[in-house]
Amino acid sequence: MKTRWIAGLGMAASTLFMAGAAAAHDPLLAPIEPEYAARWLKPEAPIKVYGNSYVVGFGGLGVGLIKTSQGLILIDAALPQAVPAIEANIKALGFKVSDIKLILSTEPHYDHAGGLAALARDSGATVAASVPAAEALRHGRPGADDPQLGDLVPFPAVTRLRAVKDGEVIRLGDVAVTARATPGHTAGSMSWTWTSCERRDCKAVVFGSSLNPVSSDGYRFSDPKNAGVVASFRRSFAVVRGLKCDVLISAHPDQSGGDERLARARRGDKPNPFVDPGACRAYADRYAARLEARLAKERAER
């Protein structure tokens, strides 16, 4: 297993290196903010998280994969320049890119949605997103109400889209994934939950959207016109705290301690480091505190 991991890591690194050449001939792979985005794209070999659930992403960007009896479900797609490495990781697990039947989107920002169009094209999969996010993905740009709008750039538009509502259940084969609206970071942010089993030991798995209250310069969460965004964040914190959550995978692993759990799993630590029933609550509490600190700072600066 250790040899396979090292080989897989080398494959991911070389694939990222070759992605630039591929982009010259493929507009859907054209790099977005390559120097800035490099902080997120540390190559990682794919690894099983629990049961039928895997991560196939990067050091700074979570990309999830679920194996079902009728194909694969991918969650998020990172950036366009990351697509070759994601596809290489999927193949390293013994799957085919054409096995992907659904791609679930957490948010319409270029770092998570930039690769959706290429992966949907390469696999033939349909992309599922919240109603607000689907609108943004269709146009390849975030909505006008996005707190980070001033710092965001367009990304390849997505055409194979399915808009889903909060609480809607999406089924593929023997797996049912539930959409959980968690807006705030974007108006269309969506988290996803499902059950993974190892023999008869089943765990509730959550792929959590970003809860980070960040913004472009000049944006004030304390401005009365942004009260709806603050209320959305607070509702999302409550939702994530209340989820049945044995395993958490987050859109940015380091925001939820996922990077540390991954490192422990790579070392072979037992029991399974990914199993942490307190992870969702800790994740919500961390960013609830950050939002309140941001609001207090803004008020003090008036």
C-alpha atoms as a PDB file:
ATOM      1  CA  MET A   1       0.000   0.000   0.000  1.00  0.00           C
ATOM      2  CA  LYS A   2       2.844   2.383   0.828  1.00  0.00           C
ATOM      3  CA  THR A   3       4.461   1.763  -2.561  1.00  0.00           C
ATOM      4  CA  ARG A   4       1.176   2.420  -4.324  1.00  0.00           C
ATOM      5  CA  TRP A   5       0.758   5.706  -2.418  1.00  0.00           C
ATOM      6  CA  ILE A   6       4.212   6.935  -3.413  1.00  0.00           C
ATOM      7  CA  ALA A   7       3.575   5.973  -7.040  1.00  0.00           C
ATOM      8  CA  GLY A   8       0.227   7.701  -6.972  1.00  0.00           C
ATOM      9  CA  LEU A   9       1.714  10.872  -5.543  1.00  0.00           C
ATOM     10  CA  GLY A  10       4.344  10.926  -8.254  1.00  0.00           C
ATOM     11  CA  MET A  11       1.655  10.476 -10.894  1.00  0.00           C
ATOM     12  CA  ALA A  12      -0.362  13.371  -9.480  1.00  0.00           C
ATOM     13  CA  ALA A  13       2.673  15.669  -9.418  1.00  0.00           C
ATOM     14  CA  SER A  14       3.683  14.859 -12.983  1.00  0.00           C
ATOM     15  CA  THR A  15       0.100  15.223 -14.175  1.00  0.00           C
ATOM     16  CA  LEU A  16      -0.119  18.717 -12.677  1.00  0.00           C
ATOM     17  CA  PHE A  17       3.159  19.578 -14.398  1.00  0.00           C
ATOM     18  CA  MET A  18       1.786  18.476 -17.790  1.00  0.00           C
ATOM     19  CA  ALA A  19      -1.554  20.257 -17.326  1.00  0.00           C
ATOM     20  CA  GLY A  20      -0.142  23.550 -18.580  1.00  0.00           C
ATOM     21  CA  ALA A  21       0.761  22.025 -21.939  1.00  0.00           C
ATOM     22  CA  ALA A  22      -2.677  20.438 -22.249  1.00  0.00           C
ATOM     23  CA  ALA A  23      -4.350  23.780 -21.540  1.00  0.00           C
ATOM     24  CA  ALA A  24      -2.719  25.294 -24.604  1.00  0.00           C
ATOM     25  CA  HIS A  25      -4.974  23.085 -26.721  1.00  0.00           C
ATOM     26  CA  ASP A  26      -8.038  22.927 -24.470  1.00  0.00           C
ATOM     27  CA  PRO A  27      -9.820  26.123 -23.350  1.00  0.00           C
ATOM     28  CA  LEU A  28     -11.637  24.266 -20.570  1.00  0.00           C
ATOM     29  CA  LEU A  29      -8.251  23.545 -18.960  1.00  0.00           C
ATOM     30  CA  ALA A  30      -6.847  27.067 -19.259  1.00  0.00           C
ATOM     31  CA  PRO A  31      -5.293  27.879 -15.853  1.00  0.00           C
ATOM     32  CA  ILE A  32      -7.017  30.389 -13.587  1.00  0.00           C
ATOM     33  CA  GLU A  33      -4.822  32.537 -11.304  1.00  0.00           C
ATOM     34  CA  PRO A  34      -2.037  29.915 -11.486  1.00  0.00           C
ATOM     35  CA  GLU A  35       0.425  31.581  -9.127  1.00  0.00           C
ATOM     36  CA  TYR A  36      -2.199  32.305  -6.465  1.00  0.00           C
ATOM     37  CA  ALA A  37      -3.934  28.946  -6.911  1.00  0.00           C
ATOM     38  CA  ALA A  38      -0.705  26.975  -6.489  1.00  0.00           C
ATOM     39  CA  ARG A  39      -1.159  27.231  -2.702  1.00  0.00           C
ATOM     40  CA  TRP A  40      -4.173  24.922  -2.982  1.00  0.00           C
ATOM     41  CA  LEU A  41      -2.816  22.384  -5.450  1.00  0.00           C
ATOM     42  CA  LYS A  42      -0.266  20.385  -3.500  1.00  0.00           C
ATOM     43  CA  PRO A  43      -0.462  16.942  -5.137  1.00  0.00           C
ATOM     44  CA  GLU A  44      -2.060  14.220  -3.029  1.00  0.00           C
ATOM     45  CA  ALA A  45      -2.483  10.570  -3.902  1.00  0.00           C
ATOM     46  CA  PRO A  46      -6.090   9.365  -3.637  1.00  0.00           C
ATOM     47  CA  ILE A  47      -7.124   7.600  -0.463  1.00  0.00           C
ATOM     48  CA  LYS A  48     -10.136   5.783   0.902  1.00  0.00           C
ATOM     49  CA  VAL A  49     -11.808   7.760   3.673  1.00  0.00           C
ATOM     50  CA  TYR A  50     -14.391   5.199   4.729  1.00  0.00           C
ATOM     51  CA  GLY A  51     -16.332   2.469   2.963  1.00  0.00           C
ATOM     52  CA  ASN A  52     -17.222   3.640  -0.536  1.00  0.00           C
ATOM     53  CA  SER A  53     -15.946   7.195   0.054  1.00  0.00           C
ATOM     54  CA  TYR A  54     -12.625   8.601  -1.158  1.00  0.00           C
ATOM     55  CA  VAL A  55     -10.783  11.884  -1.592  1.00  0.00           C
ATOM     56  CA  VAL A  56      -9.101  12.523  -4.934  1.00  0.00           C
ATOM     57  CA  GLY A  57      -8.100  16.142  -4.514  1.00  0.00           C
ATOM     58  CA  PHE A  58      -5.255  18.226  -3.237  1.00  0.00           C
ATOM     59  CA  GLY A  59      -3.599  19.537  -0.117  1.00  0.00           C
ATOM     60  CA  GLY A  60      -5.710  22.686  -0.124  1.00  0.00           C
ATOM     61  CA  LEU A  61      -8.818  21.646  -2.046  1.00  0.00           C
ATOM     62  CA  GLY A  62     -11.111  18.783  -1.161  1.00  0.00           C
ATOM     63  CA  VAL A  63     -12.508  16.676  -4.003  1.00  0.00           C
ATOM     64  CA  GLY A  64     -14.697  13.774  -2.941  1.00  0.00           C
ATOM     65  CA  LEU A  65     -15.593  10.528  -4.703  1.00  0.00           C
ATOM     66  CA  ILE A  66     -18.343   8.028  -3.906  1.00  0.00           C
ATOM     67  CA  LYS A  67     -18.507   4.582  -5.485  1.00  0.00           C
ATOM     68  CA  THR A  68     -22.045   3.366  -6.130  1.00  0.00           C
ATOM     69  CA  SER A  69     -23.465   0.249  -7.764  1.00  0.00           C
ATOM     70  CA  GLN A  70     -24.197   2.294 -10.903  1.00  0.00           C
ATOM     71  CA  GLY A  71     -21.122   4.479 -11.219  1.00  0.00           C
ATOM     72  CA  LEU A  72     -19.291   7.270  -9.435  1.00  0.00           C
ATOM     73  CA  ILE A  73     -20.354  10.519  -7.807  1.00  0.00           C
ATOM     74  CA  LEU A  74     -17.699  13.245  -7.736  1.00  0.00           C
ATOM     75  CA  ILE A  75     -17.933  16.220  -5.389  1.00  0.00           C
ATOM     76  CA  ASP A  76     -16.351  19.464  -6.596  1.00  0.00           C
ATOM     77  CA  ALA A  77     -13.812  19.821  -9.376  1.00  0.00           C
ATOM     78  CA  ALA A  78     -11.124  22.258  -8.180  1.00  0.00           C
ATOM     79  CA  LEU A  79      -9.605  24.492 -10.905  1.00  0.00           C
ATOM     80  CA  PRO A  80      -9.349  23.862 -14.647  1.00  0.00           C
ATOM     81  CA  GLN A  81      -5.606  23.201 -14.403  1.00  0.00           C
ATOM     82  CA  ALA A  82      -6.303  20.575 -11.710  1.00  0.00           C
ATOM     83  CA  VAL A  83      -8.564  18.386 -13.843  1.00  0.00           C
ATOM     84  CA  PRO A  84      -5.810  16.132 -15.288  1.00  0.00           C
ATOM     85  CA  ALA A  85      -4.582  15.345 -11.757  1.00  0.00           C
ATOM     86  CA  ILE A  86      -8.121  14.602 -10.518  1.00  0.00           C
ATOM     87  CA  GLU A  87      -8.671  12.269 -13.452  1.00  0.00           C
ATOM     88  CA  ALA A  88      -5.307  10.588 -12.787  1.00  0.00           C
ATOM     89  CA  ASN A  89      -6.272  10.055  -9.140  1.00  0.00           C
ATOM     90  CA  ILE A  90      -9.583   8.491 -10.163  1.00  0.00           C
ATOM     91  CA  LYS A  91      -7.766   6.135 -12.505  1.00  0.00           C
ATOM     92  CA  ALA A  92      -5.210   5.289  -9.794  1.00  0.00           C
ATOM     93  CA  LEU A  93      -8.086   3.917  -7.717  1.00  0.00           C
ATOM     94  CA  GLY A  94      -8.978   1.564 -10.557  1.00  0.00           C
ATOM     95  CA  PHE A  95     -11.969   3.559 -11.840  1.00  0.00           C
ATOM     96  CA  LYS A  96     -12.644   5.184 -15.188  1.00  0.00           C
ATOM     97  CA  VAL A  97     -13.479   8.847 -15.732  1.00  0.00           C
ATOM     98  CA  SER A  98     -16.461   7.638 -17.775  1.00  0.00           C
ATOM     99  CA  ASP A  99     -17.737   5.944 -14.592  1.00  0.00           C
ATOM    100  CA  ILE A 100     -18.606   9.410 -13.198  1.00  0.00           C
ATOM    101  CA  LYS A 101     -22.355   9.907 -13.566  1.00  0.00           C
ATOM    102  CA  LEU A 102     -22.933  12.864 -11.224  1.00  0.00           C
ATOM    103  CA  ILE A 103     -20.797  15.772 -10.065  1.00  0.00           C
ATOM    104  CA  LEU A 104     -22.015  17.649  -6.995  1.00  0.00           C
ATOM    105  CA  SER A 105     -21.007  21.291  -6.568  1.00  0.00           C
ATOM    106  CA  THR A 106     -20.505  23.028  -3.222  1.00  0.00           C
ATOM    107  CA  GLU A 107     -20.112  26.598  -4.517  1.00  0.00           C
ATOM    108  CA  PRO A 108     -19.712  28.641  -7.714  1.00  0.00           C
ATOM    109  CA  HIS A 109     -16.188  29.942  -7.085  1.00  0.00           C
ATOM    110  CA  TYR A 110     -13.384  29.258  -9.531  1.00  0.00           C
ATOM    111  CA  ASP A 111     -11.334  27.233  -7.037  1.00  0.00           C
ATOM    112  CA  HIS A 112     -14.109  24.633  -6.625  1.00  0.00           C
ATOM    113  CA  ALA A 113     -16.109  25.022  -9.835  1.00  0.00           C
ATOM    114  CA  GLY A 114     -13.452  25.917 -12.391  1.00  0.00           C
ATOM    115  CA  GLY A 115     -12.925  22.289 -13.393  1.00  0.00           C
ATOM    116  CA  LEU A 116     -16.615  21.336 -13.576  1.00  0.00           C
ATOM    117  CA  ALA A 117     -17.066  21.991 -17.289  1.00  0.00           C
ATOM    118  CA  ALA A 118     -14.039  19.892 -18.283  1.00  0.00           C
ATOM    119  CA  LEU A 119     -14.904  17.007 -15.967  1.00  0.00           C
ATOM    120  CA  ALA A 120     -18.542  17.007 -17.082  1.00  0.00           C
ATOM    121  CA  ARG A 121     -17.411  16.932 -20.711  1.00  0.00           C
ATOM    122  CA  ASP A 122     -14.819  14.202 -20.164  1.00  0.00           C
ATOM    123  CA  SER A 123     -17.182  11.965 -18.192  1.00  0.00           C
ATOM    124  CA  GLY A 124     -20.582  12.835 -19.637  1.00  0.00           C
ATOM    125  CA  ALA A 125     -21.799  13.486 -16.078  1.00  0.00           C
ATOM    126  CA  THR A 126     -24.478  15.925 -14.980  1.00  0.00           C
ATOM    127  CA  VAL A 127     -23.523  18.626 -12.463  1.00  0.00           C
ATOM    128  CA  ALA A 128     -25.922  19.099  -9.543  1.00  0.00           C
ATOM    129  CA  ALA A 129     -25.954  22.367  -7.594  1.00  0.00           C
ATOM    130  CA  SER A 130     -28.300  24.555  -5.590  1.00  0.00           C
ATOM    131  CA  VAL A 131     -30.668  26.811  -7.524  1.00  0.00           C
ATOM    132  CA  PRO A 132     -28.574  29.998  -6.973  1.00  0.00           C
ATOM    133  CA  ALA A 133     -25.326  28.155  -7.690  1.00  0.00           C
ATOM    134  CA  ALA A 134     -26.709  26.574 -10.867  1.00  0.00           C
ATOM    135  CA  GLU A 135     -27.471  30.048 -12.198  1.00  0.00           C
ATOM    136  CA  ALA A 136     -23.908  31.175 -11.480  1.00  0.00           C
ATOM    137  CA  LEU A 137     -22.403  28.015 -12.983  1.00  0.00           C
ATOM    138  CA  ARG A 138     -24.491  28.461 -16.124  1.00  0.00           C
ATOM    139  CA  HIS A 139     -22.896  31.877 -16.666  1.00  0.00           C
ATOM    140  CA  GLY A 140     -19.416  30.974 -15.410  1.00  0.00           C
ATOM    141  CA  ARG A 141     -19.306  33.721 -12.807  1.00  0.00           C
ATOM    142  CA  PRO A 142     -20.455  34.246  -9.211  1.00  0.00           C
ATOM    143  CA  GLY A 143     -23.596  36.163  -8.321  1.00  0.00           C
ATOM    144  CA  ALA A 144     -23.621  39.905  -7.718  1.00  0.00           C
ATOM    145  CA  ASP A 145     -24.395  39.322  -4.025  1.00  0.00           C
ATOM    146  CA  ASP A 146     -21.184  37.358  -3.398  1.00  0.00           C
ATOM    147  CA  PRO A 147     -19.094  38.878  -0.544  1.00  0.00           C
ATOM    148  CA  GLN A 148     -15.901  38.061  -2.477  1.00  0.00           C
ATOM    149  CA  LEU A 149     -17.113  39.373  -5.826  1.00  0.00           C
ATOM    150  CA  GLY A 150     -14.316  41.915  -6.204  1.00  0.00           C
ATOM    151  CA  ASP A 151     -11.624  39.226  -6.000  1.00  0.00           C
ATOM    152  CA  LEU A 152     -13.210  36.557  -8.170  1.00  0.00           C
ATOM    153  CA  VAL A 153     -12.661  35.786 -11.839  1.00  0.00           C
ATOM    154  CA  PRO A 154     -14.854  33.985 -14.379  1.00  0.00           C
ATOM    155  CA  PHE A 155     -14.541  30.231 -14.975  1.00  0.00           C
ATOM    156  CA  PRO A 156     -15.740  27.898 -17.751  1.00  0.00           C
ATOM    157  CA  ALA A 157     -19.528  27.837 -17.868  1.00  0.00           C
ATOM    158  CA  VAL A 158     -21.320  24.575 -17.127  1.00  0.00           C
ATOM    159  CA  THR A 159     -24.058  23.350 -19.457  1.00  0.00           C
ATOM    160  CA  ARG A 160     -25.000  19.915 -18.096  1.00  0.00           C
ATOM    161  CA  LEU A 161     -26.795  21.142 -14.983  1.00  0.00           C
ATOM    162  CA  ARG A 162     -29.403  19.935 -12.520  1.00  0.00           C
ATOM    163  CA  ALA A 163     -30.672  22.412  -9.915  1.00  0.00           C
ATOM    164  CA  VAL A 164     -31.552  20.846  -6.554  1.00  0.00           C
ATOM    165  CA  LYS A 165     -33.299  22.164  -3.462  1.00  0.00           C
ATOM    166  CA  ASP A 166     -32.385  21.973   0.198  1.00  0.00           C
ATOM    167  CA  GLY A 167     -33.231  18.515   1.515  1.00  0.00           C
ATOM    168  CA  GLU A 168     -33.544  16.962  -1.933  1.00  0.00           C
ATOM    169  CA  VAL A 169     -32.241  13.393  -2.191  1.00  0.00           C
ATOM    170  CA  ILE A 170     -30.215  12.381  -5.233  1.00  0.00           C
ATOM    171  CA  ARG A 171     -29.942   8.639  -5.866  1.00  0.00           C
ATOM    172  CA  LEU A 172     -27.436   6.734  -7.939  1.00  0.00           C
ATOM    173  CA  GLY A 173     -27.511   2.971  -7.598  1.00  0.00           C
ATOM    174  CA  ASP A 174     -27.306   1.992  -3.945  1.00  0.00           C
ATOM    175  CA  VAL A 175     -26.302   5.473  -2.678  1.00  0.00           C
ATOM    176  CA  ALA A 176     -28.569   8.349  -1.661  1.00  0.00           C
ATOM    177  CA  VAL A 177     -26.992  11.791  -1.224  1.00  0.00           C
ATOM    178  CA  THR A 178     -28.920  14.575   0.481  1.00  0.00           C
ATOM    179  CA  ALA A 179     -28.441  18.240  -0.412  1.00  0.00           C
ATOM    180  CA  ARG A 180     -27.996  20.512   2.627  1.00  0.00           C
ATOM    181  CA  ALA A 181     -28.156  24.239   1.953  1.00  0.00           C
ATOM    182  CA  THR A 182     -25.340  26.026   3.789  1.00  0.00           C
ATOM    183  CA  PRO A 183     -25.289  29.559   2.306  1.00  0.00           C
ATOM    184  CA  GLY A 184     -23.220  32.495   3.514  1.00  0.00           C
ATOM    185  CA  HIS A 185     -19.820  32.041   1.909  1.00  0.00           C
ATOM    186  CA  THR A 186     -21.878  32.142  -1.289  1.00  0.00           C
ATOM    187  CA  ALA A 187     -25.646  32.390  -1.640  1.00  0.00           C
ATOM    188  CA  GLY A 188     -25.677  29.004  -3.345  1.00  0.00           C
ATOM    189  CA  SER A 189     -23.360  27.046  -1.073  1.00  0.00           C
ATOM    190  CA  MET A 190     -24.452  23.441  -0.630  1.00  0.00           C
ATOM    191  CA  SER A 191     -23.131  20.661   1.583  1.00  0.00           C
ATOM    192  CA  TRP A 192     -23.814  16.992   0.845  1.00  0.00           C
ATOM    193  CA  THR A 193     -24.473  14.034   3.158  1.00  0.00           C
ATOM    194  CA  TRP A 194     -24.639  10.273   2.646  1.00  0.00           C
ATOM    195  CA  THR A 195     -23.982   6.973   4.422  1.00  0.00           C
ATOM    196  CA  SER A 196     -20.907   4.799   3.905  1.00  0.00           C
ATOM    197  CA  CYS A 197     -20.572   1.299   5.320  1.00  0.00           C
ATOM    198  CA  GLU A 198     -17.789  -1.140   6.039  1.00  0.00           C
ATOM    199  CA  ARG A 199     -19.525  -4.464   6.490  1.00  0.00           C
ATOM    200  CA  ARG A 200     -22.311  -3.582   8.928  1.00  0.00           C
ATOM    201  CA  ASP A 201     -20.578  -0.553  10.438  1.00  0.00           C
ATOM    202  CA  CYS A 202     -22.174   2.460   8.743  1.00  0.00           C
ATOM    203  CA  LYS A 203     -21.073   6.072   9.153  1.00  0.00           C
ATOM    204  CA  ALA A 204     -22.730   9.372   8.270  1.00  0.00           C
ATOM    205  CA  VAL A 205     -20.439  11.255   5.878  1.00  0.00           C
ATOM    206  CA  VAL A 206     -20.608  15.012   5.260  1.00  0.00           C
ATOM    207  CA  PHE A 207     -18.901  16.920   2.469  1.00  0.00           C
ATOM    208  CA  GLY A 208     -19.061  20.423   3.898  1.00  0.00           C
ATOM    209  CA  SER A 209     -19.049  23.604   1.853  1.00  0.00           C
ATOM    210  CA  SER A 210     -16.851  26.467   3.004  1.00  0.00           C
ATOM    211  CA  LEU A 211     -18.194  28.351   6.042  1.00  0.00           C
ATOM    212  CA  ASN A 212     -15.466  30.977   5.995  1.00  0.00           C
ATOM    213  CA  PRO A 213     -16.754  34.599   6.322  1.00  0.00           C
ATOM    214  CA  VAL A 214     -14.218  36.208   4.016  1.00  0.00           C
ATOM    215  CA  SER A 215     -14.823  39.043   1.582  1.00  0.00           C
ATOM    216  CA  SER A 216     -13.319  41.493  -0.843  1.00  0.00           C
ATOM    217  CA  ASP A 217     -11.796  44.680   0.555  1.00  0.00           C
ATOM    218  CA  GLY A 218     -14.464  47.226   1.422  1.00  0.00           C
ATOM    219  CA  TYR A 219     -17.219  44.698   2.037  1.00  0.00           C
ATOM    220  CA  ARG A 220     -18.721  44.987   5.513  1.00  0.00           C
ATOM    221  CA  PHE A 221     -20.744  42.172   6.995  1.00  0.00           C
ATOM    222  CA  SER A 222     -22.034  44.663   9.580  1.00  0.00           C
ATOM    223  CA  ASP A 223     -23.593  46.872   6.899  1.00  0.00           C
ATOM    224  CA  PRO A 224     -27.401  46.605   7.300  1.00  0.00           C
ATOM    225  CA  LYS A 225     -27.748  45.802   3.600  1.00  0.00           C
ATOM    226  CA  ASN A 226     -25.731  42.611   4.234  1.00  0.00           C
ATOM    227  CA  ALA A 227     -27.839  41.444   7.179  1.00  0.00           C
ATOM    228  CA  GLY A 228     -29.261  38.649   5.031  1.00  0.00           C
ATOM    229  CA  VAL A 229     -25.801  37.250   4.409  1.00  0.00           C
ATOM    230  CA  VAL A 230     -25.025  37.245   8.128  1.00  0.00           C
ATOM    231  CA  ALA A 231     -28.346  35.534   8.855  1.00  0.00           C
ATOM    232  CA  SER A 232     -27.534  32.911   6.204  1.00  0.00           C
ATOM    233  CA  PHE A 233     -24.180  32.209   7.831  1.00  0.00           C
ATOM    234  CA  ARG A 234     -25.784  31.770  11.242  1.00  0.00           C
ATOM    235  CA  ARG A 235     -28.413  29.393   9.885  1.00  0.00           C
ATOM    236  CA  SER A 236     -25.692  27.395   8.134  1.00  0.00           C
ATOM    237  CA  PHE A 237     -23.639  27.114  11.309  1.00  0.00           C
ATOM    238  CA  ALA A 238     -26.715  25.714  13.050  1.00  0.00           C
ATOM    239  CA  VAL A 239     -27.360  23.288  10.187  1.00  0.00           C
ATOM    240  CA  VAL A 240     -23.808  21.931  10.216  1.00  0.00           C
ATOM    241  CA  ARG A 241     -23.810  21.599  14.006  1.00  0.00           C
ATOM    242  CA  GLY A 242     -27.005  19.575  13.788  1.00  0.00           C
ATOM    243  CA  LEU A 243     -25.954  17.181  11.031  1.00  0.00           C
ATOM    244  CA  LYS A 244     -25.445  13.529  11.779  1.00  0.00           C
ATOM    245  CA  CYS A 245     -21.726  13.532  11.109  1.00  0.00           C
ATOM    246  CA  ASP A 246     -19.237  10.749  11.761  1.00  0.00           C
ATOM    247  CA  VAL A 247     -16.885  11.708   8.921  1.00  0.00           C
ATOM    248  CA  LEU A 248     -16.307  15.250   7.616  1.00  0.00           C
ATOM    249  CA  ILE A 249     -14.657  16.122   4.315  1.00  0.00           C
ATOM    250  CA  SER A 250     -14.494  19.869   3.718  1.00  0.00           C
ATOM    251  CA  ALA A 251     -14.049  21.935   0.582  1.00  0.00           C
ATOM    252  CA  HIS A 252     -10.781  23.271   2.032  1.00  0.00           C
ATOM    253  CA  PRO A 253      -9.315  20.468   4.191  1.00  0.00           C
ATOM    254  CA  ASP A 254      -7.291  22.767   6.441  1.00  0.00           C
ATOM    255  CA  GLN A 255     -10.430  24.664   7.470  1.00  0.00           C
ATOM    256  CA  SER A 256     -11.809  21.637   9.290  1.00  0.00           C
ATOM    257  CA  GLY A 257      -8.685  19.770  10.416  1.00  0.00           C
ATOM    258  CA  GLY A 258      -8.994  17.500   7.390  1.00  0.00           C
ATOM    259  CA  ASP A 259      -5.349  18.031   6.496  1.00  0.00           C
ATOM    260  CA  GLU A 260      -4.298  16.672   9.901  1.00  0.00           C
ATOM    261  CA  ARG A 261      -6.660  13.697   9.635  1.00  0.00           C
ATOM    262  CA  LEU A 262      -5.263  12.936   6.184  1.00  0.00           C
ATOM    263  CA  ALA A 263      -1.679  13.063   7.444  1.00  0.00           C
ATOM    264  CA  ARG A 264      -2.543  10.628  10.240  1.00  0.00           C
ATOM    265  CA  ALA A 265      -4.283   8.315   7.779  1.00  0.00           C
ATOM    266  CA  ARG A 266      -1.183   8.371   5.547  1.00  0.00           C
ATOM    267  CA  ARG A 267       0.854   7.220   8.558  1.00  0.00           C
ATOM    268  CA  GLY A 268      -1.546   4.341   9.074  1.00  0.00           C
ATOM    269  CA  ASP A 269      -2.796   5.565  12.460  1.00  0.00           C
ATOM    270  CA  LYS A 270      -5.590   3.522  14.039  1.00  0.00           C
ATOM    271  CA  PRO A 271      -8.485   3.818  14.583  1.00  0.00           C
ATOM    272  CA  ASN A 272      -9.432   5.490  11.294  1.00  0.00           C
ATOM    273  CA  PRO A 273      -8.474   9.189  11.751  1.00  0.00           C
ATOM    274  CA  PHE A 274     -11.204  10.302   9.361  1.00  0.00           C
ATOM    275  CA  VAL A 275     -13.872   9.098  11.798  1.00  0.00           C
ATOM    276  CA  ASP A 276     -14.493  12.032  14.151  1.00  0.00           C
ATOM    277  CA  PRO A 277     -18.091  12.547  15.331  1.00  0.00           C
ATOM    278  CA  GLY A 278     -17.212  15.999  16.683  1.00  0.00           C
ATOM    279  CA  ALA A 279     -15.770  17.344  13.443  1.00  0.00           C
ATOM    280  CA  CYS A 280     -18.884  19.050  12.070  1.00  0.00           C
ATOM    281  CA  ARG A 281     -19.651  20.853  15.322  1.00  0.00           C
ATOM    282  CA  ALA A 282     -16.038  22.002  15.644  1.00  0.00           C
ATOM    283  CA  TYR A 283     -16.075  23.193  12.032  1.00  0.00           C
ATOM    284  CA  ALA A 284     -19.232  25.257  12.540  1.00  0.00           C
ATOM    285  CA  ASP A 285     -18.060  26.638  15.880  1.00  0.00           C
ATOM    286  CA  ARG A 286     -14.731  27.742  14.436  1.00  0.00           C
ATOM    287  CA  TYR A 287     -16.298  29.859  11.718  1.00  0.00           C
ATOM    288  CA  ALA A 288     -19.173  31.110  13.853  1.00  0.00           C
ATOM    289  CA  ALA A 289     -16.541  32.563  16.158  1.00  0.00           C
ATOM    290  CA  ARG A 290     -14.691  34.025  13.202  1.00  0.00           C
ATOM    291  CA  LEU A 291     -17.842  35.733  11.921  1.00  0.00           C
ATOM    292  CA  GLU A 292     -18.597  37.253  15.322  1.00  0.00           C
ATOM    293  CA  ALA A 293     -14.997  38.470  15.590  1.00  0.00           C
ATOM    294  CA  ARG A 294     -15.257  40.037  12.142  1.00  0.00           C
ATOM    295  CA  LEU A 295     -18.520  41.797  13.041  1.00  0.00           C
ATOM    296  CA  ALA A 296     -17.046  43.100  16.300  1.00  0.00           C
ATOM    297  CA  LYS A 297     -13.954  44.389  14.497  1.00  0.00           C
ATOM    298  CA  GLU A 298     -16.041  46.197  11.896  1.00  0.00           C
ATOM    299  CA  ARG A 299     -18.210  47.835  14.558  1.00  0.00           C
ATOM    300  CA  ALA A 300     -15.164  48.959  16.500  1.00  0.00           C
ATOM    301  CA  GLU A 301     -13.737  50.583  13.369  1.00  0.00           C
ATOM    302  CA  ARG A 302     -16.788  52.795  12.803  1.00  0.00           C
END
